[in-house]
Amino acid sequence: MNERNTPGVGAVLERHRLKALPEAHCYLRFGNKRIDVTRQRLSDLEPMSYFLHEEEIAPNQITLYKIDLHKTFLQHWMAEGRGEGEMTLASTWAIREECIAALSLR
């Protein structure tokens, strides 16, 4: 997520010297079409057309499985040097939570 595709998170990311932060996001697929009922329909909103990882999950996997997958992905992302400085999983997850909180203020 970044300010272009997730308006409202830019200030948080900037404060932590990040351009973007991977976010686990769920959407529905109907045929070849992705249907995202959680995002605003704004003409200037960058579409989610590029995914770092994509997999089909069952509805009961939206909670614990999705969180575990997201944390595992973040650990690999940080290991590849994509984060800023000495980020830990706990600090990165806290930044993610700040971003989510910022979205609720919109």
N, C-alpha and C. Protein backbone atom coordinates (compact mmCIF):
# COMPACT_ATOMS: atom_id res chain seq x y z
N MET A 1 0.85 -1.17 0.00
CA MET A 1 0.00 0.00 0.00
C MET A 1 0.89 1.23 0.00
N ASN A 2 0.42 2.25 -0.69
CA ASN A 2 1.07 3.54 -0.73
C ASN A 2 -0.03 4.60 -0.82
N GLU A 3 0.33 5.85 -0.85
CA GLU A 3 -0.69 6.91 -0.87
C GLU A 3 -1.51 6.89 -2.15
N ARG A 4 -0.93 6.45 -3.26
CA ARG A 4 -1.67 6.44 -4.53
C ARG A 4 -2.77 5.39 -4.56
N ASN A 5 -2.48 4.19 -4.04
CA ASN A 5 -3.50 3.15 -4.11
C ASN A 5 -4.28 2.98 -2.81
N THR A 6 -3.81 3.64 -1.74
CA THR A 6 -4.51 3.57 -0.46
C THR A 6 -4.45 4.95 0.20
N PRO A 7 -5.22 5.90 -0.31
CA PRO A 7 -5.17 7.27 0.22
C PRO A 7 -5.41 7.31 1.73
N GLY A 8 -4.52 8.04 2.40
CA GLY A 8 -4.61 8.17 3.84
C GLY A 8 -3.42 7.58 4.58
N VAL A 9 -2.63 6.72 3.89
CA VAL A 9 -1.49 6.09 4.56
C VAL A 9 -0.18 6.82 4.30
N GLY A 10 -0.18 7.77 3.40
CA GLY A 10 1.06 8.45 2.99
C GLY A 10 1.82 9.10 4.13
N ALA A 11 1.13 9.81 5.01
CA ALA A 11 1.81 10.50 6.11
C ALA A 11 2.47 9.51 7.06
N VAL A 12 1.81 8.39 7.32
CA VAL A 12 2.38 7.37 8.20
C VAL A 12 3.63 6.79 7.55
N LEU A 13 3.53 6.42 6.29
CA LEU A 13 4.68 5.84 5.60
C LEU A 13 5.84 6.83 5.55
N GLU A 14 5.54 8.08 5.26
CA GLU A 14 6.59 9.10 5.19
C GLU A 14 7.28 9.27 6.54
N ARG A 15 6.51 9.25 7.61
CA ARG A 15 7.07 9.39 8.96
C ARG A 15 8.07 8.27 9.27
N HIS A 16 7.83 7.10 8.67
CA HIS A 16 8.70 5.95 8.90
C HIS A 16 9.68 5.73 7.74
N ARG A 17 9.78 6.72 6.87
CA ARG A 17 10.70 6.71 5.73
C ARG A 17 10.47 5.50 4.81
N LEU A 18 9.20 5.22 4.55
CA LEU A 18 8.83 4.14 3.64
C LEU A 18 8.05 4.70 2.46
N LYS A 19 8.29 4.16 1.29
CA LYS A 19 7.51 4.54 0.10
C LYS A 19 6.23 3.73 0.01
N ALA A 20 6.29 2.50 0.53
CA ALA A 20 5.14 1.60 0.48
C ALA A 20 5.34 0.52 1.53
N LEU A 21 4.27 -0.20 1.80
CA LEU A 21 4.31 -1.31 2.75
C LEU A 21 3.39 -2.40 2.22
N PRO A 22 3.89 -3.64 2.12
CA PRO A 22 3.01 -4.71 1.63
C PRO A 22 1.81 -4.89 2.56
N GLU A 23 0.65 -5.05 1.97
CA GLU A 23 -0.57 -5.25 2.73
C GLU A 23 -1.31 -6.45 2.17
N ALA A 24 -1.76 -7.31 3.05
CA ALA A 24 -2.60 -8.44 2.65
C ALA A 24 -4.00 -7.91 2.44
N HIS A 25 -4.54 -8.16 1.29
CA HIS A 25 -5.84 -7.60 0.93
C HIS A 25 -6.69 -8.68 0.30
N CYS A 26 -7.95 -8.75 0.69
CA CYS A 26 -8.87 -9.74 0.13
C CYS A 26 -9.83 -9.09 -0.85
N TYR A 27 -10.15 -9.81 -1.88
CA TYR A 27 -11.12 -9.37 -2.86
C TYR A 27 -11.82 -10.62 -3.39
N LEU A 28 -12.89 -10.43 -4.11
CA LEU A 28 -13.61 -11.54 -4.73
C LEU A 28 -13.18 -11.66 -6.18
N ARG A 29 -13.18 -12.87 -6.69
CA ARG A 29 -12.89 -13.08 -8.10
C ARG A 29 -14.13 -13.72 -8.73
N PHE A 30 -14.55 -13.13 -9.82
CA PHE A 30 -15.66 -13.66 -10.60
C PHE A 30 -15.15 -13.81 -12.02
N GLY A 31 -14.91 -15.03 -12.42
CA GLY A 31 -14.29 -15.26 -13.72
C GLY A 31 -12.89 -14.69 -13.69
N ASN A 32 -12.57 -13.82 -14.65
CA ASN A 32 -11.27 -13.16 -14.68
C ASN A 32 -11.28 -11.78 -14.05
N LYS A 33 -12.40 -11.41 -13.43
CA LYS A 33 -12.55 -10.06 -12.90
C LYS A 33 -12.37 -10.05 -11.37
N ARG A 34 -11.58 -9.10 -10.89
CA ARG A 34 -11.41 -8.89 -9.45
C ARG A 34 -12.46 -7.87 -8.99
N ILE A 35 -13.14 -8.20 -7.91
CA ILE A 35 -14.16 -7.31 -7.36
C ILE A 35 -13.77 -6.98 -5.94
N ASP A 36 -13.47 -5.72 -5.71
CA ASP A 36 -13.03 -5.27 -4.39
C ASP A 36 -14.12 -4.39 -3.80
N VAL A 37 -14.79 -4.89 -2.80
CA VAL A 37 -15.89 -4.15 -2.19
C VAL A 37 -15.44 -3.30 -1.00
N THR A 38 -14.14 -3.29 -0.71
CA THR A 38 -13.65 -2.53 0.44
C THR A 38 -13.07 -1.18 0.08
N ARG A 39 -12.83 -0.95 -1.20
CA ARG A 39 -12.17 0.29 -1.62
C ARG A 39 -13.18 1.28 -2.17
N GLN A 40 -12.86 2.56 -1.98
CA GLN A 40 -13.68 3.62 -2.55
C GLN A 40 -13.54 3.59 -4.07
N ARG A 41 -14.55 4.00 -4.75
CA ARG A 41 -14.49 4.10 -6.21
C ARG A 41 -14.16 5.53 -6.59
N LEU A 42 -12.90 5.86 -6.55
CA LEU A 42 -12.44 7.20 -6.92
C LEU A 42 -11.70 7.13 -8.24
N SER A 43 -11.95 8.08 -9.11
CA SER A 43 -11.32 8.05 -10.43
C SER A 43 -9.79 8.22 -10.34
N ASP A 44 -9.29 8.88 -9.30
CA ASP A 44 -7.85 9.09 -9.19
C ASP A 44 -7.16 8.02 -8.34
N LEU A 45 -7.90 7.00 -7.93
CA LEU A 45 -7.34 5.94 -7.12
C LEU A 45 -6.60 4.94 -8.01
N GLU A 46 -5.34 4.71 -7.70
CA GLU A 46 -4.55 3.75 -8.48
C GLU A 46 -5.14 2.36 -8.30
N PRO A 47 -5.45 1.66 -9.38
CA PRO A 47 -6.05 0.33 -9.24
C PRO A 47 -5.05 -0.68 -8.70
N MET A 48 -5.55 -1.68 -8.03
CA MET A 48 -4.70 -2.77 -7.57
C MET A 48 -4.56 -3.76 -8.72
N SER A 49 -3.53 -3.60 -9.49
CA SER A 49 -3.34 -4.47 -10.65
C SER A 49 -2.04 -5.24 -10.56
N TYR A 50 -1.22 -4.93 -9.57
CA TYR A 50 0.06 -5.60 -9.40
C TYR A 50 0.09 -6.21 -8.01
N PHE A 51 0.39 -7.48 -7.93
CA PHE A 51 0.40 -8.18 -6.65
C PHE A 51 1.76 -8.84 -6.45
N LEU A 52 2.29 -8.73 -5.25
CA LEU A 52 3.55 -9.38 -4.91
C LEU A 52 3.32 -10.88 -4.67
N HIS A 53 2.14 -11.20 -4.21
CA HIS A 53 1.75 -12.60 -3.97
C HIS A 53 0.23 -12.66 -4.07
N GLU A 54 -0.26 -13.68 -4.71
CA GLU A 54 -1.70 -13.83 -4.84
C GLU A 54 -2.04 -15.30 -4.67
N GLU A 55 -3.02 -15.56 -3.83
CA GLU A 55 -3.47 -16.94 -3.68
C GLU A 55 -4.94 -16.97 -3.30
N GLU A 56 -5.58 -18.02 -3.69
CA GLU A 56 -6.99 -18.20 -3.38
C GLU A 56 -7.09 -18.79 -1.98
N ILE A 57 -7.97 -18.20 -1.16
CA ILE A 57 -8.21 -18.73 0.17
C ILE A 57 -9.70 -18.93 0.38
N ALA A 58 -10.03 -19.74 1.35
CA ALA A 58 -11.42 -19.97 1.72
C ALA A 58 -11.86 -18.91 2.73
N PRO A 59 -13.14 -18.66 2.83
CA PRO A 59 -13.61 -17.62 3.78
C PRO A 59 -13.11 -17.83 5.21
N ASN A 60 -12.99 -19.07 5.66
CA ASN A 60 -12.53 -19.29 7.04
C ASN A 60 -11.04 -19.01 7.22
N GLN A 61 -10.32 -18.72 6.14
CA GLN A 61 -8.90 -18.41 6.23
C GLN A 61 -8.63 -16.91 6.31
N ILE A 62 -9.66 -16.10 6.30
CA ILE A 62 -9.49 -14.65 6.30
C ILE A 62 -8.90 -14.14 7.61
N THR A 63 -9.04 -14.89 8.68
CA THR A 63 -8.53 -14.41 9.97
C THR A 63 -7.11 -14.90 10.21
N LEU A 64 -6.92 -15.96 10.94
CA LEU A 64 -5.59 -16.39 11.37
C LEU A 64 -4.66 -16.73 10.21
N TYR A 65 -5.13 -17.46 9.23
CA TYR A 65 -4.27 -17.83 8.11
C TYR A 65 -3.76 -16.60 7.38
N LYS A 66 -4.64 -15.67 7.09
CA LYS A 66 -4.26 -14.45 6.35
C LYS A 66 -3.24 -13.65 7.15
N ILE A 67 -3.45 -13.53 8.45
CA ILE A 67 -2.51 -12.78 9.29
C ILE A 67 -1.15 -13.46 9.30
N ASP A 68 -1.12 -14.77 9.48
CA ASP A 68 0.15 -15.51 9.48
C ASP A 68 0.87 -15.38 8.14
N LEU A 69 0.13 -15.50 7.05
CA LEU A 69 0.71 -15.35 5.71
C LEU A 69 1.29 -13.95 5.54
N HIS A 70 0.55 -12.95 5.99
CA HIS A 70 0.99 -11.56 5.87
C HIS A 70 2.29 -11.35 6.66
N LYS A 71 2.34 -11.84 7.87
CA LYS A 71 3.55 -11.67 8.70
C LYS A 71 4.75 -12.40 8.09
N THR A 72 4.52 -13.59 7.55
CA THR A 72 5.60 -14.33 6.90
C THR A 72 6.11 -13.56 5.69
N PHE A 73 5.18 -13.00 4.91
CA PHE A 73 5.57 -12.22 3.74
C PHE A 73 6.38 -10.99 4.17
N LEU A 74 5.93 -10.30 5.22
CA LEU A 74 6.66 -9.12 5.71
C LEU A 74 8.07 -9.49 6.15
N GLN A 75 8.24 -10.64 6.78
CA GLN A 75 9.58 -11.07 7.20
C GLN A 75 10.49 -11.25 5.98
N HIS A 76 9.98 -11.86 4.92
CA HIS A 76 10.78 -12.02 3.69
C HIS A 76 11.06 -10.65 3.05
N TRP A 77 10.08 -9.79 3.06
CA TRP A 77 10.23 -8.44 2.49
C TRP A 77 11.34 -7.69 3.22
N MET A 78 11.34 -7.77 4.54
CA MET A 78 12.38 -7.09 5.33
C MET A 78 13.75 -7.74 5.10
N ALA A 79 13.79 -9.06 5.00
CA ALA A 79 15.05 -9.78 4.78
C ALA A 79 15.69 -9.40 3.44
N GLU A 80 14.85 -9.04 2.48
CA GLU A 80 15.36 -8.60 1.18
C GLU A 80 15.82 -7.16 1.20
N GLY A 81 15.77 -6.52 2.35
CA GLY A 81 16.24 -5.14 2.48
C GLY A 81 15.25 -4.11 1.97
N ARG A 82 13.99 -4.45 1.87
CA ARG A 82 12.99 -3.53 1.35
C ARG A 82 12.52 -2.54 2.41
N GLY A 83 12.70 -2.87 3.67
CA GLY A 83 12.30 -1.96 4.75
C GLY A 83 13.36 -0.90 4.97
N GLU A 84 13.14 -0.09 5.96
CA GLU A 84 14.07 1.01 6.27
C GLU A 84 14.82 0.66 7.55
N GLY A 85 16.14 0.62 7.49
CA GLY A 85 16.95 0.42 8.69
C GLY A 85 16.74 -0.93 9.33
N GLU A 86 16.71 -0.91 10.65
CA GLU A 86 16.61 -2.14 11.44
C GLU A 86 15.16 -2.43 11.81
N MET A 87 14.35 -2.70 10.83
CA MET A 87 12.94 -2.99 11.10
C MET A 87 12.80 -4.42 11.61
N THR A 88 11.93 -4.59 12.58
CA THR A 88 11.58 -5.91 13.08
C THR A 88 10.16 -6.21 12.63
N LEU A 89 9.75 -7.45 12.77
CA LEU A 89 8.37 -7.78 12.43
C LEU A 89 7.42 -6.98 13.30
N ALA A 90 7.73 -6.86 14.58
CA ALA A 90 6.86 -6.11 15.49
C ALA A 90 6.76 -4.64 15.10
N SER A 91 7.88 -4.02 14.75
CA SER A 91 7.84 -2.60 14.38
C SER A 91 7.15 -2.40 13.03
N THR A 92 7.36 -3.33 12.11
CA THR A 92 6.71 -3.23 10.81
C THR A 92 5.21 -3.43 10.94
N TRP A 93 4.81 -4.39 11.77
CA TRP A 93 3.39 -4.63 12.00
C TRP A 93 2.75 -3.41 12.67
N ALA A 94 3.48 -2.75 13.56
CA ALA A 94 2.97 -1.54 14.22
C ALA A 94 2.76 -0.42 13.19
N ILE A 95 3.66 -0.29 12.23
CA ILE A 95 3.49 0.71 11.17
C ILE A 95 2.26 0.36 10.35
N ARG A 96 2.08 -0.91 10.04
CA ARG A 96 0.90 -1.35 9.30
C ARG A 96 -0.37 -0.98 10.07
N GLU A 97 -0.37 -1.20 11.38
CA GLU A 97 -1.54 -0.87 12.21
C GLU A 97 -1.78 0.65 12.22
N GLU A 98 -0.71 1.44 12.22
CA GLU A 98 -0.85 2.91 12.12
C GLU A 98 -1.53 3.29 10.80
N CYS A 99 -1.12 2.61 9.74
CA CYS A 99 -1.72 2.88 8.42
C CYS A 99 -3.21 2.56 8.44
N ILE A 100 -3.57 1.41 9.00
CA ILE A 100 -4.97 1.00 9.06
C ILE A 100 -5.76 2.01 9.90
N ALA A 101 -5.18 2.46 11.00
CA ALA A 101 -5.86 3.46 11.83
C ALA A 101 -6.05 4.77 11.07
N ALA A 102 -5.06 5.16 10.28
CA ALA A 102 -5.16 6.39 9.50
C ALA A 102 -6.30 6.30 8.48
N LEU A 103 -6.54 5.11 7.96
CA LEU A 103 -7.63 4.92 7.00
C LEU A 103 -8.98 5.12 7.65
N SER A 104 -9.09 4.79 8.92
CA SER A 104 -10.38 4.95 9.61
C SER A 104 -10.71 6.42 9.87
N LEU A 105 -9.72 7.29 9.75
CA LEU A 105 -9.93 8.73 9.97
C LEU A 105 -10.45 9.42 8.72
N ARG A 106 -10.42 8.74 7.60
CA ARG A 106 -10.85 9.33 6.33
C ARG A 106 -12.35 9.36 6.21
